Amino acid sequence: MPVQPLTFMQAADMRRKLPSAVRTARIVSVADGFQLLATLVNESGDWTLTSPGGIADTFPDLGRLQAFATTVLGGQPLPVVLHPANQSPVQHLIA
């Protein structure tokens, strides 16, 4: 099966990149779920994984986002950064 490109956004910019273009990735908690932030080859700053077409960038289920990301990004566990209320971010490595 051919490798499908993933869609990433940064502000109003959108990029479709193959998973091999992801240098680093982490999952962060946000007010309404979880986002996957990635640094991409030949791009600056963090890019947010979105659904195709940029419709949604927040995923309500950490387990499913992590399973998807682990599968498409080569089976490596991703760091997960959780932001508990009124506390500084806590980083966990989810295997």
Protein backbone atom coordinates (compact mmCIF):
# COMPACT_ATOMS: atom_id res chain seq x y z
CA MET A 1 0.00 0.00 0.00
CA PRO A 2 1.45 3.44 -0.88
CA VAL A 3 2.27 5.85 1.95
CA GLN A 4 -0.33 8.62 2.10
CA PRO A 5 0.64 12.23 2.86
CA LEU A 6 -0.51 13.82 6.10
CA THR A 7 -1.95 17.34 6.34
CA PHE A 8 -0.31 19.88 8.68
CA MET A 9 -1.24 23.50 9.45
CA GLN A 10 0.64 26.46 10.86
CA ALA A 11 -1.56 29.54 11.20
CA ALA A 12 -3.21 29.86 7.74
CA ASP A 13 -0.55 27.79 5.95
CA MET A 14 -1.26 24.18 5.06
CA ARG A 15 1.22 21.50 3.95
CA ARG A 16 0.74 17.90 2.78
CA LYS A 17 3.82 15.89 3.72
CA LEU A 18 4.77 12.25 3.76
CA PRO A 19 5.34 10.82 7.25
CA SER A 20 9.07 10.69 6.51
CA ALA A 21 9.10 14.53 6.53
CA VAL A 22 8.32 14.56 10.28
CA ARG A 23 11.54 15.21 12.24
CA THR A 24 10.00 15.30 15.71
CA ALA A 25 6.46 14.98 17.04
CA ARG A 26 4.66 15.26 20.32
CA ILE A 27 1.07 15.17 21.49
CA VAL A 28 -0.16 18.08 23.61
CA SER A 29 -3.35 18.50 25.57
CA VAL A 30 -5.53 21.49 24.71
CA ALA A 31 -8.82 22.72 26.17
CA ASP A 32 -11.00 20.45 24.03
CA GLY A 33 -8.78 17.41 23.42
CA PHE A 34 -5.33 16.64 22.03
CA GLN A 35 -3.19 17.87 19.15
CA LEU A 36 -0.16 16.38 17.43
CA LEU A 37 2.57 18.99 16.91
CA ALA A 38 5.44 18.20 14.58
CA THR A 39 8.58 19.80 13.23
CA LEU A 40 8.89 19.14 9.52
CA VAL A 41 11.91 18.88 7.23
CA ASN A 42 12.60 22.24 5.50
CA GLU A 43 9.95 24.05 7.59
CA SER A 44 10.29 26.19 10.69
CA GLY A 45 8.31 26.01 13.91
CA ASP A 46 5.66 23.54 15.03
CA TRP A 47 3.03 22.28 12.61
CA THR A 48 -0.30 20.83 13.78
CA LEU A 49 -1.58 17.59 12.27
CA THR A 50 -5.06 18.13 10.85
CA SER A 51 -7.67 16.07 9.11
CA PRO A 52 -7.45 16.19 5.30
CA GLY A 53 -8.47 19.66 4.18
CA GLY A 54 -7.67 21.20 7.56
CA ILE A 55 -11.19 20.69 8.91
CA ALA A 56 -10.17 19.54 12.41
CA ASP A 57 -6.90 19.73 14.32
CA THR A 58 -8.06 18.55 17.73
CA PHE A 59 -8.70 14.92 18.56
CA PRO A 60 -10.93 14.07 21.55
CA ASP A 61 -9.39 10.67 22.26
CA LEU A 62 -5.72 10.46 23.33
CA GLY A 63 -5.50 6.70 22.81
CA ARG A 64 -6.72 6.80 19.23
CA LEU A 65 -4.56 9.78 18.30
CA GLN A 66 -1.53 8.09 19.81
CA ALA A 67 -2.27 4.79 18.04
CA PHE A 68 -2.69 6.59 14.70
CA ALA A 69 0.47 8.66 15.17
CA THR A 70 2.54 5.68 16.27
CA THR A 71 1.40 3.69 13.23
CA VAL A 72 1.99 6.36 10.58
CA LEU A 73 5.21 7.69 12.11
CA GLY A 74 7.04 4.38 12.23
CA GLY A 75 6.07 2.77 15.50
CA GLN A 76 8.01 5.05 17.84
CA PRO A 77 6.28 6.20 21.04
CA LEU A 78 5.58 9.93 21.14
CA PRO A 79 6.00 12.28 24.08
CA VAL A 80 2.67 13.47 25.46
CA VAL A 81 2.58 16.88 27.15
CA LEU A 82 -0.34 17.27 29.54
CA HIS A 83 -1.38 20.63 30.95
CA PRO A 84 -3.23 20.00 34.23
CA ALA A 85 -5.34 22.92 35.43
CA ASN A 86 -3.25 25.59 37.20
CA GLN A 87 -0.01 23.62 36.82
CA SER A 88 2.95 23.74 34.49
CA PRO A 89 3.06 21.19 31.66
CA VAL A 90 3.97 17.64 32.61
CA GLN A 91 5.63 15.50 29.95
CA HIS A 92 4.96 11.77 29.70
CA LEU A 93 6.27 9.22 27.25
CA ILE A 94 3.38 7.00 26.21
CA ALA A 95 4.47 3.58 24.92
